[in-house]
Amino acid sequence: MGFFDKWMDKMTGTDTRHGTIGVDLPEAEGIVRYRLVFRGQVQGVGFRYTMRLEAQALSITGWVHNHYDGSVVAEVQGENAAIRMLVYRVQESRFIRIDDIEVEPIAPDKRESTFSVK
């Protein structure tokens, strides 16, 4: 945490730091697919583009888009460990704050080969 963040915490009585939230995925082997709904400070902060960049680096396919209620919805497909790492890496941005993640297992899409922002 930098000087400005510490100063703001002291002046406002708040804590601008935020921890990471883990994603609780069912135990599975091989390629899996999940519909994830992220809530928190997730729109207008580069969330979707950060997710696409990290997903591509981790060989995860799927898509992500903003939902009308302020959440971000994604379908991600890959190995469980890679999906956990994706969620962890997305939270590294100082502007993104995930308060809750809803997880729904869905059937993999064997035809999918990329990750896109919708």
PDB file of N, CA and C in Angstrom:
ATOM      1  N   MET A   1       0.854  -1.159   0.000  1.00  0.00           N
ATOM      2  CA  MET A   1       0.000   0.000   0.000  1.00  0.00           C
ATOM      3  C   MET A   1       0.902   1.224   0.000  1.00  0.00           C
ATOM      4  N   GLY A   2       0.596   2.166  -0.889  1.00  0.00           N
ATOM      5  CA  GLY A   2       1.399   3.362  -1.021  1.00  0.00           C
ATOM      6  C   GLY A   2       1.058   4.430  -0.002  1.00  0.00           C
ATOM      7  N   PHE A   3       1.854   5.489  -0.001  1.00  0.00           N
ATOM      8  CA  PHE A   3       1.656   6.602   0.928  1.00  0.00           C
ATOM      9  C   PHE A   3       0.262   7.191   0.819  1.00  0.00           C
ATOM     10  N   PHE A   4      -0.201   7.456  -0.400  1.00  0.00           N
ATOM     11  CA  PHE A   4      -1.512   8.073  -0.577  1.00  0.00           C
ATOM     12  C   PHE A   4      -2.624   7.208   0.019  1.00  0.00           C
ATOM     13  N   ASP A   5      -2.572   5.886  -0.214  1.00  0.00           N
ATOM     14  CA  ASP A   5      -3.583   4.989   0.339  1.00  0.00           C
ATOM     15  C   ASP A   5      -3.570   5.025   1.865  1.00  0.00           C
ATOM     16  N   LYS A   6      -2.376   4.988   2.462  1.00  0.00           N
ATOM     17  CA  LYS A   6      -2.274   5.044   3.925  1.00  0.00           C
ATOM     18  C   LYS A   6      -2.825   6.362   4.444  1.00  0.00           C
ATOM     19  N   TRP A   7      -2.495   7.448   3.764  1.00  0.00           N
ATOM     20  CA  TRP A   7      -2.975   8.760   4.180  1.00  0.00           C
ATOM     21  C   TRP A   7      -4.493   8.827   4.087  1.00  0.00           C
ATOM     22  N   MET A   8      -5.072   8.322   2.988  1.00  0.00           N
ATOM     23  CA  MET A   8      -6.528   8.324   2.821  1.00  0.00           C
ATOM     24  C   MET A   8      -7.203   7.479   3.901  1.00  0.00           C
ATOM     25  N   ASP A   9      -6.620   6.336   4.243  1.00  0.00           N
ATOM     26  CA  ASP A   9      -7.176   5.500   5.301  1.00  0.00           C
ATOM     27  C   ASP A   9      -7.219   6.268   6.619  1.00  0.00           C
ATOM     28  N   LYS A  10      -6.130   6.954   6.908  1.00  0.00           N
ATOM     29  CA  LYS A  10      -6.049   7.707   8.159  1.00  0.00           C
ATOM     30  C   LYS A  10      -7.040   8.867   8.166  1.00  0.00           C
ATOM     31  N   MET A  11      -7.161   9.568   7.047  1.00  0.00           N
ATOM     32  CA  MET A  11      -8.027  10.742   6.970  1.00  0.00           C
ATOM     33  C   MET A  11      -9.511  10.362   6.966  1.00  0.00           C
ATOM     34  N   THR A  12      -9.853   9.265   6.342  1.00  0.00           N
ATOM     35  CA  THR A  12     -11.268   8.897   6.211  1.00  0.00           C
ATOM     36  C   THR A  12     -11.710   7.838   7.207  1.00  0.00           C
ATOM     37  N   GLY A  13     -10.766   7.231   7.902  1.00  0.00           N
ATOM     38  CA  GLY A  13     -11.117   6.171   8.836  1.00  0.00           C
ATOM     39  C   GLY A  13     -11.531   4.886   8.156  1.00  0.00           C
ATOM     40  N   THR A  14     -11.137   4.725   6.896  1.00  0.00           N
ATOM     41  CA  THR A  14     -11.470   3.514   6.160  1.00  0.00           C
ATOM     42  C   THR A  14     -10.202   2.761   5.812  1.00  0.00           C
ATOM     43  N   ASP A  15     -10.391   1.621   5.217  1.00  0.00           N
ATOM     44  CA  ASP A  15      -9.271   0.800   4.771  1.00  0.00           C
ATOM     45  C   ASP A  15      -9.435   0.572   3.280  1.00  0.00           C
ATOM     46  N   THR A  16      -8.580   1.214   2.457  1.00  0.00           N
ATOM     47  CA  THR A  16      -8.695   1.082   1.011  1.00  0.00           C
ATOM     48  C   THR A  16      -8.107  -0.220   0.502  1.00  0.00           C
ATOM     49  N   ARG A  17      -7.397  -0.941   1.347  1.00  0.00           N
ATOM     50  CA  ARG A  17      -6.879  -2.236   0.924  1.00  0.00           C
ATOM     51  C   ARG A  17      -8.026  -3.204   0.812  1.00  0.00           C
ATOM     52  N   HIS A  18      -7.877  -4.148  -0.062  1.00  0.00           N
ATOM     53  CA  HIS A  18      -8.877  -5.205  -0.148  1.00  0.00           C
ATOM     54  C   HIS A  18      -8.166  -6.517  -0.415  1.00  0.00           C
ATOM     55  N   GLY A  19      -8.661  -7.537   0.233  1.00  0.00           N
ATOM     56  CA  GLY A  19      -8.084  -8.858   0.050  1.00  0.00           C
ATOM     57  C   GLY A  19      -8.675  -9.517  -1.172  1.00  0.00           C
ATOM     58  N   THR A  20      -8.205 -10.695  -1.426  1.00  0.00           N
ATOM     59  CA  THR A  20      -8.751 -11.441  -2.556  1.00  0.00           C
ATOM     60  C   THR A  20      -9.797 -12.413  -2.042  1.00  0.00           C
ATOM     61  N   ILE A  21     -10.727 -12.705  -2.883  1.00  0.00           N
ATOM     62  CA  ILE A  21     -11.764 -13.678  -2.569  1.00  0.00           C
ATOM     63  C   ILE A  21     -11.512 -14.898  -3.448  1.00  0.00           C
ATOM     64  N   GLY A  22     -11.528 -16.055  -2.851  1.00  0.00           N
ATOM     65  CA  GLY A  22     -11.302 -17.282  -3.612  1.00  0.00           C
ATOM     66  C   GLY A  22     -12.582 -17.747  -4.281  1.00  0.00           C
ATOM     67  N   VAL A  23     -12.437 -18.593  -5.242  1.00  0.00           N
ATOM     68  CA  VAL A  23     -13.602 -19.164  -5.911  1.00  0.00           C
ATOM     69  C   VAL A  23     -13.697 -20.632  -5.503  1.00  0.00           C
ATOM     70  N   ASP A  24     -14.859 -21.020  -5.007  1.00  0.00           N
ATOM     71  CA  ASP A  24     -15.088 -22.378  -4.535  1.00  0.00           C
ATOM     72  C   ASP A  24     -15.625 -23.220  -5.692  1.00  0.00           C
ATOM     73  N   LEU A  25     -14.745 -23.968  -6.330  1.00  0.00           N
ATOM     74  CA  LEU A  25     -15.128 -24.799  -7.474  1.00  0.00           C
ATOM     75  C   LEU A  25     -15.266 -26.251  -7.042  1.00  0.00           C
ATOM     76  N   PRO A  26     -16.245 -26.959  -7.603  1.00  0.00           N
ATOM     77  CA  PRO A  26     -16.354 -28.396  -7.318  1.00  0.00           C
ATOM     78  C   PRO A  26     -15.087 -29.116  -7.780  1.00  0.00           C
ATOM     79  N   GLU A  27     -14.732 -30.190  -7.081  1.00  0.00           N
ATOM     80  CA  GLU A  27     -13.578 -30.986  -7.496  1.00  0.00           C
ATOM     81  C   GLU A  27     -13.893 -31.641  -8.836  1.00  0.00           C
ATOM     82  N   ALA A  28     -13.007 -31.473  -9.792  1.00  0.00           N
ATOM     83  CA  ALA A  28     -13.197 -32.065 -11.113  1.00  0.00           C
ATOM     84  C   ALA A  28     -11.849 -32.181 -11.800  1.00  0.00           C
ATOM     85  N   GLU A  29     -11.745 -33.161 -12.671  1.00  0.00           N
ATOM     86  CA  GLU A  29     -10.529 -33.338 -13.465  1.00  0.00           C
ATOM     87  C   GLU A  29     -10.846 -33.067 -14.920  1.00  0.00           C
ATOM     88  N   GLY A  30      -9.841 -32.671 -15.660  1.00  0.00           N
ATOM     89  CA  GLY A  30     -10.025 -32.402 -17.071  1.00  0.00           C
ATOM     90  C   GLY A  30     -10.614 -31.019 -17.305  1.00  0.00           C
ATOM     91  N   ILE A  31     -11.170 -30.829 -18.476  1.00  0.00           N
ATOM     92  CA  ILE A  31     -11.732 -29.537 -18.870  1.00  0.00           C
ATOM     93  C   ILE A  31     -13.129 -29.391 -18.274  1.00  0.00           C
ATOM     94  N   VAL A  32     -13.343 -28.273 -17.592  1.00  0.00           N
ATOM     95  CA  VAL A  32     -14.636 -27.957 -16.976  1.00  0.00           C
ATOM     96  C   VAL A  32     -15.079 -26.577 -17.449  1.00  0.00           C
ATOM     97  N   ARG A  33     -16.354 -26.280 -17.267  1.00  0.00           N
ATOM     98  CA  ARG A  33     -16.895 -24.968 -17.656  1.00  0.00           C
ATOM     99  C   ARG A  33     -17.816 -24.483 -16.536  1.00  0.00           C
ATOM    100  N   TYR A  34     -17.683 -23.194 -16.220  1.00  0.00           N
ATOM    101  CA  TYR A  34     -18.502 -22.589 -15.186  1.00  0.00           C
ATOM    102  C   TYR A  34     -19.080 -21.265 -15.678  1.00  0.00           C
ATOM    103  N   ARG A  35     -20.263 -20.976 -15.204  1.00  0.00           N
ATOM    104  CA  ARG A  35     -20.843 -19.638 -15.353  1.00  0.00           C
ATOM    105  C   ARG A  35     -20.547 -18.955 -14.030  1.00  0.00           C
ATOM    106  N   LEU A  36     -19.804 -17.841 -14.094  1.00  0.00           N
ATOM    107  CA  LEU A  36     -19.418 -17.090 -12.906  1.00  0.00           C
ATOM    108  C   LEU A  36     -20.092 -15.728 -12.944  1.00  0.00           C
ATOM    109  N   VAL A  37     -20.662 -15.318 -11.817  1.00  0.00           N
ATOM    110  CA  VAL A  37     -21.241 -13.981 -11.686  1.00  0.00           C
ATOM    111  C   VAL A  37     -20.438 -13.269 -10.604  1.00  0.00           C
ATOM    112  N   PHE A  38     -19.785 -12.179 -10.987  1.00  0.00           N
ATOM    113  CA  PHE A  38     -18.952 -11.401 -10.075  1.00  0.00           C
ATOM    114  C   PHE A  38     -19.714 -10.169  -9.617  1.00  0.00           C
ATOM    115  N   ARG A  39     -19.722  -9.927  -8.312  1.00  0.00           N
ATOM    116  CA  ARG A  39     -20.349  -8.727  -7.763  1.00  0.00           C
ATOM    117  C   ARG A  39     -19.316  -7.961  -6.956  1.00  0.00           C
ATOM    118  N   GLY A  40     -19.464  -6.652  -6.962  1.00  0.00           N
ATOM    119  CA  GLY A  40     -18.541  -5.774  -6.257  1.00  0.00           C
ATOM    120  C   GLY A  40     -18.246  -4.591  -7.154  1.00  0.00           C
ATOM    121  N   GLN A  41     -17.035  -4.093  -7.079  1.00  0.00           N
ATOM    122  CA  GLN A  41     -16.589  -3.012  -7.958  1.00  0.00           C
ATOM    123  C   GLN A  41     -15.978  -3.674  -9.195  1.00  0.00           C
ATOM    124  N   VAL A  42     -16.873  -4.035 -10.144  1.00  0.00           N
ATOM    125  CA  VAL A  42     -16.440  -4.845 -11.281  1.00  0.00           C
ATOM    126  C   VAL A  42     -16.785  -4.236 -12.636  1.00  0.00           C
ATOM    127  N   GLN A  43     -17.527  -3.148 -12.662  1.00  0.00           N
ATOM    128  CA  GLN A  43     -17.809  -2.483 -13.938  1.00  0.00           C
ATOM    129  C   GLN A  43     -17.117  -1.120 -13.956  1.00  0.00           C
ATOM    130  N   GLY A  44     -16.606  -0.765 -15.131  1.00  0.00           N
ATOM    131  CA  GLY A  44     -15.926   0.521 -15.289  1.00  0.00           C
ATOM    132  C   GLY A  44     -14.519   0.552 -14.734  1.00  0.00           C
ATOM    133  N   VAL A  45     -13.929  -0.628 -14.480  1.00  0.00           N
ATOM    134  CA  VAL A  45     -12.595  -0.694 -13.881  1.00  0.00           C
ATOM    135  C   VAL A  45     -11.633  -1.578 -14.694  1.00  0.00           C
ATOM    136  N   GLY A  46     -12.022  -1.926 -15.923  1.00  0.00           N
ATOM    137  CA  GLY A  46     -11.165  -2.763 -16.767  1.00  0.00           C
ATOM    138  C   GLY A  46     -11.267  -4.244 -16.477  1.00  0.00           C
ATOM    139  N   PHE A  47     -12.303  -4.646 -15.763  1.00  0.00           N
ATOM    140  CA  PHE A  47     -12.461  -6.048 -15.366  1.00  0.00           C
ATOM    141  C   PHE A  47     -12.495  -6.987 -16.565  1.00  0.00           C
ATOM    142  N   ARG A  48     -13.348  -6.699 -17.548  1.00  0.00           N
ATOM    143  CA  ARG A  48     -13.518  -7.613 -18.683  1.00  0.00           C
ATOM    144  C   ARG A  48     -12.238  -7.763 -19.485  1.00  0.00           C
ATOM    145  N   TYR A  49     -11.530  -6.673 -19.702  1.00  0.00           N
ATOM    146  CA  TYR A  49     -10.303  -6.742 -20.510  1.00  0.00           C
ATOM    147  C   TYR A  49      -9.169  -7.397 -19.734  1.00  0.00           C
ATOM    148  N   THR A  50      -9.137  -7.170 -18.426  1.00  0.00           N
ATOM    149  CA  THR A  50      -8.163  -7.866 -17.584  1.00  0.00           C
ATOM    150  C   THR A  50      -8.441  -9.361 -17.608  1.00  0.00           C
ATOM    151  N   MET A  51      -9.721  -9.722 -17.515  1.00  0.00           N
ATOM    152  CA  MET A  51     -10.078 -11.144 -17.543  1.00  0.00           C
ATOM    153  C   MET A  51      -9.684 -11.774 -18.875  1.00  0.00           C
ATOM    154  N   ARG A  52      -9.936 -11.089 -19.975  1.00  0.00           N
ATOM    155  CA  ARG A  52      -9.573 -11.654 -21.279  1.00  0.00           C
ATOM    156  C   ARG A  52      -8.064 -11.860 -21.373  1.00  0.00           C
ATOM    157  N   LEU A  53      -7.286 -10.895 -20.965  1.00  0.00           N
ATOM    158  CA  LEU A  53      -5.829 -11.003 -21.015  1.00  0.00           C
ATOM    159  C   LEU A  53      -5.335 -12.181 -20.182  1.00  0.00           C
ATOM    160  N   GLU A  54      -5.840 -12.284 -18.962  1.00  0.00           N
ATOM    161  CA  GLU A  54      -5.403 -13.376 -18.080  1.00  0.00           C
ATOM    162  C   GLU A  54      -5.908 -14.730 -18.575  1.00  0.00           C
ATOM    163  N   ALA A  55      -7.140 -14.781 -19.082  1.00  0.00           N
ATOM    164  CA  ALA A  55      -7.679 -16.040 -19.604  1.00  0.00           C
ATOM    165  C   ALA A  55      -6.838 -16.547 -20.770  1.00  0.00           C
ATOM    166  N   GLN A  56      -6.456 -15.647 -21.657  1.00  0.00           N
ATOM    167  CA  GLN A  56      -5.628 -16.040 -22.797  1.00  0.00           C
ATOM    168  C   GLN A  56      -4.283 -16.565 -22.324  1.00  0.00           C
ATOM    169  N   ALA A  57      -3.702 -15.935 -21.313  1.00  0.00           N
ATOM    170  CA  ALA A  57      -2.408 -16.371 -20.788  1.00  0.00           C
ATOM    171  C   ALA A  57      -2.504 -17.751 -20.134  1.00  0.00           C
ATOM    172  N   LEU A  58      -3.684 -18.102 -19.614  1.00  0.00           N
ATOM    173  CA  LEU A  58      -3.884 -19.373 -18.915  1.00  0.00           C
ATOM    174  C   LEU A  58      -4.557 -20.442 -19.792  1.00  0.00           C
ATOM    175  N   SER A  59      -4.710 -20.158 -21.078  1.00  0.00           N
ATOM    176  CA  SER A  59      -5.357 -21.081 -22.027  1.00  0.00           C
ATOM    177  C   SER A  59      -6.785 -21.432 -21.620  1.00  0.00           C
ATOM    178  N   ILE A  60      -7.510 -20.419 -21.145  1.00  0.00           N
ATOM    179  CA  ILE A  60      -8.915 -20.573 -20.784  1.00  0.00           C
ATOM    180  C   ILE A  60      -9.752 -19.981 -21.905  1.00  0.00           C
ATOM    181  N   THR A  61     -10.822 -20.671 -22.270  1.00  0.00           N
ATOM    182  CA  THR A  61     -11.730 -20.163 -23.289  1.00  0.00           C
ATOM    183  C   THR A  61     -13.021 -19.699 -22.618  1.00  0.00           C
ATOM    184  N   GLY A  62     -13.831 -18.971 -23.389  1.00  0.00           N
ATOM    185  CA  GLY A  62     -15.116 -18.512 -22.866  1.00  0.00           C
ATOM    186  C   GLY A  62     -15.401 -17.084 -23.260  1.00  0.00           C
ATOM    187  N   TRP A  63     -16.145 -16.405 -22.402  1.00  0.00           N
ATOM    188  CA  TRP A  63     -16.514 -15.016 -22.661  1.00  0.00           C
ATOM    189  C   TRP A  63     -16.844 -14.320 -21.345  1.00  0.00           C
ATOM    190  N   VAL A  64     -16.907 -12.994 -21.406  1.00  0.00           N
ATOM    191  CA  VAL A  64     -17.247 -12.169 -20.243  1.00  0.00           C
ATOM    192  C   VAL A  64     -18.048 -10.967 -20.729  1.00  0.00           C
ATOM    193  N   HIS A  65     -19.041 -10.549 -19.951  1.00  0.00           N
ATOM    194  CA  HIS A  65     -19.783  -9.329 -20.308  1.00  0.00           C
ATOM    195  C   HIS A  65     -20.400  -8.683 -19.074  1.00  0.00           C
ATOM    196  N   ASN A  66     -20.655  -7.379 -19.177  1.00  0.00           N
ATOM    197  CA  ASN A  66     -21.317  -6.628 -18.115  1.00  0.00           C
ATOM    198  C   ASN A  66     -22.792  -6.986 -18.102  1.00  0.00           C
ATOM    199  N   HIS A  67     -23.342  -7.131 -16.914  1.00  0.00           N
ATOM    200  CA  HIS A  67     -24.766  -7.409 -16.763  1.00  0.00           C
ATOM    201  C   HIS A  67     -25.454  -6.116 -16.328  1.00  0.00           C
ATOM    202  N   TYR A  68     -26.724  -5.969 -16.670  1.00  0.00           N
ATOM    203  CA  TYR A  68     -27.463  -4.735 -16.401  1.00  0.00           C
ATOM    204  C   TYR A  68     -27.537  -4.379 -14.916  1.00  0.00           C
ATOM    205  N   ASP A  69     -27.403  -5.372 -14.013  1.00  0.00           N
ATOM    206  CA  ASP A  69     -27.527  -5.109 -12.576  1.00  0.00           C
ATOM    207  C   ASP A  69     -26.223  -4.664 -11.913  1.00  0.00           C
ATOM    208  N   GLY A  70     -25.174  -4.434 -12.710  1.00  0.00           N
ATOM    209  CA  GLY A  70     -23.886  -3.985 -12.164  1.00  0.00           C
ATOM    210  C   GLY A  70     -22.893  -5.106 -11.933  1.00  0.00           C
ATOM    211  N   SER A  71     -23.325  -6.348 -12.127  1.00  0.00           N
ATOM    212  CA  SER A  71     -22.405  -7.477 -11.983  1.00  0.00           C
ATOM    213  C   SER A  71     -21.724  -7.747 -13.326  1.00  0.00           C
ATOM    214  N   VAL A  72     -20.773  -8.640 -13.306  1.00  0.00           N
ATOM    215  CA  VAL A  72     -20.119  -9.106 -14.531  1.00  0.00           C
ATOM    216  C   VAL A  72     -20.327 -10.610 -14.603  1.00  0.00           C
ATOM    217  N   VAL A  73     -20.771 -11.087 -15.758  1.00  0.00           N
ATOM    218  CA  VAL A  73     -21.039 -12.505 -15.972  1.00  0.00           C
ATOM    219  C   VAL A  73     -19.988 -13.057 -16.925  1.00  0.00           C
ATOM    220  N   ALA A  74     -19.490 -14.239 -16.607  1.00  0.00           N
ATOM    221  CA  ALA A  74     -18.499 -14.890 -17.470  1.00  0.00           C
ATOM    222  C   ALA A  74     -18.799 -16.377 -17.559  1.00  0.00           C
ATOM    223  N   GLU A  75     -18.490 -16.949 -18.700  1.00  0.00           N
ATOM    224  CA  GLU A  75     -18.420 -18.398 -18.833  1.00  0.00           C
ATOM    225  C   GLU A  75     -16.972 -18.710 -19.128  1.00  0.00           C
ATOM    226  N   VAL A  76     -16.379 -19.536 -18.282  1.00  0.00           N
ATOM    227  CA  VAL A  76     -14.958 -19.869 -18.411  1.00  0.00           C
ATOM    228  C   VAL A  76     -14.806 -21.375 -18.518  1.00  0.00           C
ATOM    229  N   GLN A  77     -13.870 -21.796 -19.366  1.00  0.00           N
ATOM    230  CA  GLN A  77     -13.657 -23.214 -19.621  1.00  0.00           C
ATOM    231  C   GLN A  77     -12.166 -23.508 -19.613  1.00  0.00           C
ATOM    232  N   GLY A  78     -11.794 -24.521 -18.834  1.00  0.00           N
ATOM    233  CA  GLY A  78     -10.395 -24.920 -18.739  1.00  0.00           C
ATOM    234  C   GLY A  78     -10.214 -25.847 -17.552  1.00  0.00           C
ATOM    235  N   GLU A  79      -8.992 -25.999 -17.113  1.00  0.00           N
ATOM    236  CA  GLU A  79      -8.687 -26.803 -15.927  1.00  0.00           C
ATOM    237  C   GLU A  79      -9.084 -26.005 -14.675  1.00  0.00           C
ATOM    238  N   ASN A  80      -9.549 -26.717 -13.636  1.00  0.00           N
ATOM    239  CA  ASN A  80      -9.942 -26.051 -12.390  1.00  0.00           C
ATOM    240  C   ASN A  80      -8.843 -25.145 -11.841  1.00  0.00           C
ATOM    241  N   ALA A  81      -7.614 -25.644 -11.834  1.00  0.00           N
ATOM    242  CA  ALA A  81      -6.508 -24.862 -11.286  1.00  0.00           C
ATOM    243  C   ALA A  81      -6.306 -23.563 -12.072  1.00  0.00           C
ATOM    244  N   ALA A  82      -6.447 -23.632 -13.383  1.00  0.00           N
ATOM    245  CA  ALA A  82      -6.288 -22.434 -14.214  1.00  0.00           C
ATOM    246  C   ALA A  82      -7.418 -21.441 -13.949  1.00  0.00           C
ATOM    247  N   ILE A  83      -8.622 -21.933 -13.738  1.00  0.00           N
ATOM    248  CA  ILE A  83      -9.751 -21.037 -13.465  1.00  0.00           C
ATOM    249  C   ILE A  83      -9.574 -20.354 -12.111  1.00  0.00           C
ATOM    250  N   ARG A  84      -9.108 -21.111 -11.117  1.00  0.00           N
ATOM    251  CA  ARG A  84      -8.816 -20.487  -9.809  1.00  0.00           C
ATOM    252  C   ARG A  84      -7.755 -19.393  -9.963  1.00  0.00           C
ATOM    253  N   MET A  85      -6.714 -19.684 -10.739  1.00  0.00           N
ATOM    254  CA  MET A  85      -5.651 -18.706 -10.951  1.00  0.00           C
ATOM    255  C   MET A  85      -6.187 -17.479 -11.679  1.00  0.00           C
ATOM    256  N   LEU A  86      -7.081 -17.678 -12.636  1.00  0.00           N
ATOM    257  CA  LEU A  86      -7.693 -16.567 -13.360  1.00  0.00           C
ATOM    258  C   LEU A  86      -8.400 -15.625 -12.391  1.00  0.00           C
ATOM    259  N   VAL A  87      -9.218 -16.167 -11.508  1.00  0.00           N
ATOM    260  CA  VAL A  87      -9.948 -15.339 -10.542  1.00  0.00           C
ATOM    261  C   VAL A  87      -8.970 -14.599  -9.638  1.00  0.00           C
ATOM    262  N   TYR A  88      -7.917 -15.273  -9.198  1.00  0.00           N
ATOM    263  CA  TYR A  88      -6.905 -14.633  -8.359  1.00  0.00           C
ATOM    264  C   TYR A  88      -6.225 -13.476  -9.092  1.00  0.00           C
ATOM    265  N   ARG A  89      -5.815 -13.714 -10.321  1.00  0.00           N
ATOM    266  CA  ARG A  89      -5.091 -12.683 -11.077  1.00  0.00           C
ATOM    267  C   ARG A  89      -5.955 -11.466 -11.406  1.00  0.00           C
ATOM    268  N   VAL A  90      -7.228 -11.694 -11.691  1.00  0.00           N
ATOM    269  CA  VAL A  90      -8.124 -10.580 -12.016  1.00  0.00           C
ATOM    270  C   VAL A  90      -8.212  -9.614 -10.831  1.00  0.00           C
ATOM    271  N   GLN A  91      -8.140 -10.151  -9.628  1.00  0.00           N
ATOM    272  CA  GLN A  91      -8.264  -9.323  -8.432  1.00  0.00           C
ATOM    273  C   GLN A  91      -7.000  -8.529  -8.102  1.00  0.00           C
ATOM    274  N   GLU A  92      -5.920  -8.771  -8.821  1.00  0.00           N
ATOM    275  CA  GLU A  92      -4.678  -8.059  -8.534  1.00  0.00           C
ATOM    276  C   GLU A  92      -4.739  -6.582  -8.900  1.00  0.00           C
ATOM    277  N   SER A  93      -5.666  -6.197  -9.765  1.00  0.00           N
ATOM    278  CA  SER A  93      -5.819  -4.791 -10.113  1.00  0.00           C
ATOM    279  C   SER A  93      -6.307  -4.026  -8.890  1.00  0.00           C
ATOM    280  N   ARG A  94      -5.751  -2.882  -8.647  1.00  0.00           N
ATOM    281  CA  ARG A  94      -6.154  -2.102  -7.475  1.00  0.00           C
ATOM    282  C   ARG A  94      -7.540  -1.506  -7.635  1.00  0.00           C
ATOM    283  N   PHE A  95      -8.075  -1.483  -8.840  1.00  0.00           N
ATOM    284  CA  PHE A  95      -9.383  -0.881  -9.070  1.00  0.00           C
ATOM    285  C   PHE A  95     -10.523  -1.896  -8.981  1.00  0.00           C
ATOM    286  N   ILE A  96     -10.209  -3.166  -9.138  1.00  0.00           N
ATOM    287  CA  ILE A  96     -11.225  -4.217  -9.110  1.00  0.00           C
ATOM    288  C   ILE A  96     -11.390  -4.715  -7.678  1.00  0.00           C
ATOM    289  N   ARG A  97     -12.645  -4.814  -7.243  1.00  0.00           N
ATOM    290  CA  ARG A  97     -12.941  -5.386  -5.929  1.00  0.00           C
ATOM    291  C   ARG A  97     -14.099  -6.373  -6.089  1.00  0.00           C
ATOM    292  N   ILE A  98     -13.822  -7.632  -5.853  1.00  0.00           N
ATOM    293  CA  ILE A  98     -14.848  -8.661  -5.955  1.00  0.00           C
ATOM    294  C   ILE A  98     -15.347  -8.963  -4.551  1.00  0.00           C
ATOM    295  N   ASP A  99     -16.653  -8.769  -4.340  1.00  0.00           N
ATOM    296  CA  ASP A  99     -17.261  -9.055  -3.038  1.00  0.00           C
ATOM    297  C   ASP A  99     -17.882 -10.437  -2.995  1.00  0.00           C
ATOM    298  N   ASP A 100     -18.317 -10.942  -4.144  1.00  0.00           N
ATOM    299  CA  ASP A 100     -19.011 -12.222  -4.176  1.00  0.00           C
ATOM    300  C   ASP A 100     -18.860 -12.839  -5.562  1.00  0.00           C
ATOM    301  N   ILE A 101     -18.767 -14.162  -5.602  1.00  0.00           N
ATOM    302  CA  ILE A 101     -18.719 -14.893  -6.867  1.00  0.00           C
ATOM    303  C   ILE A 101     -19.734 -16.020  -6.793  1.00  0.00           C
ATOM    304  N   GLU A 102     -20.676 -16.003  -7.723  1.00  0.00           N
ATOM    305  CA  GLU A 102     -21.651 -17.080  -7.840  1.00  0.00           C
ATOM    306  C   GLU A 102     -21.118 -18.055  -8.882  1.00  0.00           C
ATOM    307  N   VAL A 103     -21.107 -19.342  -8.573  1.00  0.00           N
ATOM    308  CA  VAL A 103     -20.531 -20.364  -9.450  1.00  0.00           C
ATOM    309  C   VAL A 103     -21.613 -21.374  -9.839  1.00  0.00           C
ATOM    310  N   GLU A 104     -21.723 -21.616 -11.146  1.00  0.00           N
ATOM    311  CA  GLU A 104     -22.659 -22.626 -11.646  1.00  0.00           C
ATOM    312  C   GLU A 104     -21.934 -23.500 -12.666  1.00  0.00           C
ATOM    313  N   PRO A 105     -21.756 -24.797 -12.367  1.00  0.00           N
ATOM    314  CA  PRO A 105     -21.139 -25.692 -13.356  1.00  0.00           C
ATOM    315  C   PRO A 105     -22.077 -25.854 -14.557  1.00  0.00           C
ATOM    316  N   ILE A 106     -21.509 -25.811 -15.756  1.00  0.00           N
ATOM    317  CA  ILE A 106     -22.281 -26.024 -16.983  1.00  0.00           C
ATOM    318  C   ILE A 106     -21.482 -26.950 -17.902  1.00  0.00           C
ATOM    319  N   ALA A 107     -22.126 -27.420 -18.939  1.00  0.00           N
ATOM    320  CA  ALA A 107     -21.480 -28.365 -19.860  1.00  0.00           C
ATOM    321  C   ALA A 107     -20.404 -27.660 -20.691  1.00  0.00           C
ATOM    322  N   PRO A 108     -19.236 -28.287 -20.847  1.00  0.00           N
ATOM    323  CA  PRO A 108     -18.192 -27.708 -21.693  1.00  0.00           C
ATOM    324  C   PRO A 108     -18.645 -27.585 -23.150  1.00  0.00           C
ATOM    325  N   ASP A 109     -18.067 -26.611 -23.836  1.00  0.00           N
ATOM    326  CA  ASP A 109     -18.343 -26.365 -25.259  1.00  0.00           C
ATOM    327  C   ASP A 109     -17.089 -26.774 -26.029  1.00  0.00           C
ATOM    328  N   LYS A 110     -17.103 -27.934 -26.649  1.00  0.00           N
ATOM    329  CA  LYS A 110     -15.921 -28.469 -27.336  1.00  0.00           C
ATOM    330  C   LYS A 110     -15.539 -27.662 -28.578  1.00  0.00           C
ATOM    331  N   ARG A 111     -16.466 -26.864 -29.096  1.00  0.00           N
ATOM    332  CA  ARG A 111     -16.181 -26.068 -30.306  1.00  0.00           C
ATOM    333  C   ARG A 111     -15.488 -24.745 -29.992  1.00  0.00           C
ATOM    334  N   GLU A 112     -15.488 -24.345 -28.750  1.00  0.00           N
ATOM    335  CA  GLU A 112     -14.942 -23.038 -28.376  1.00  0.00           C
ATOM    336  C   GLU A 112     -13.411 -23.073 -28.360  1.00  0.00           C
ATOM    337  N   SER A 113     -12.797 -21.998 -28.877  1.00  0.00           N
ATOM    338  CA  SER A 113     -11.331 -21.981 -28.930  1.00  0.00           C
ATOM    339  C   SER A 113     -10.721 -20.646 -28.505  1.00  0.00           C
ATOM    340  N   THR A 114     -11.535 -19.661 -28.136  1.00  0.00           N
ATOM    341  CA  THR A 114     -11.021 -18.344 -27.763  1.00  0.00           C
ATOM    342  C   THR A 114     -11.731 -17.828 -26.514  1.00  0.00           C
ATOM    343  N   PHE A 115     -11.276 -16.690 -26.034  1.00  0.00           N
ATOM    344  CA  PHE A 115     -11.941 -15.980 -24.933  1.00  0.00           C
ATOM    345  C   PHE A 115     -12.270 -14.588 -25.440  1.00  0.00           C
ATOM    346  N   SER A 116     -13.530 -14.189 -25.289  1.00  0.00           N
ATOM    347  CA  SER A 116     -13.941 -12.899 -25.849  1.00  0.00           C
ATOM    348  C   SER A 116     -14.638 -12.023 -24.814  1.00  0.00           C
ATOM    349  N   VAL A 117     -14.620 -10.742 -25.103  1.00  0.00           N
ATOM    350  CA  VAL A 117     -15.362  -9.735 -24.337  1.00  0.00           C
ATOM    351  C   VAL A 117     -16.612  -9.415 -25.112  1.00  0.00           C
ATOM    352  N   LYS A 118     -17.754  -9.522 -24.482  1.00  0.00           N
ATOM    353  CA  LYS A 118     -19.030  -9.216 -25.143  1.00  0.00           C
ATOM    354  C   LYS A 118     -19.548  -7.876 -24.664  1.00  0.00           C
TER     355      LYS A 118
END
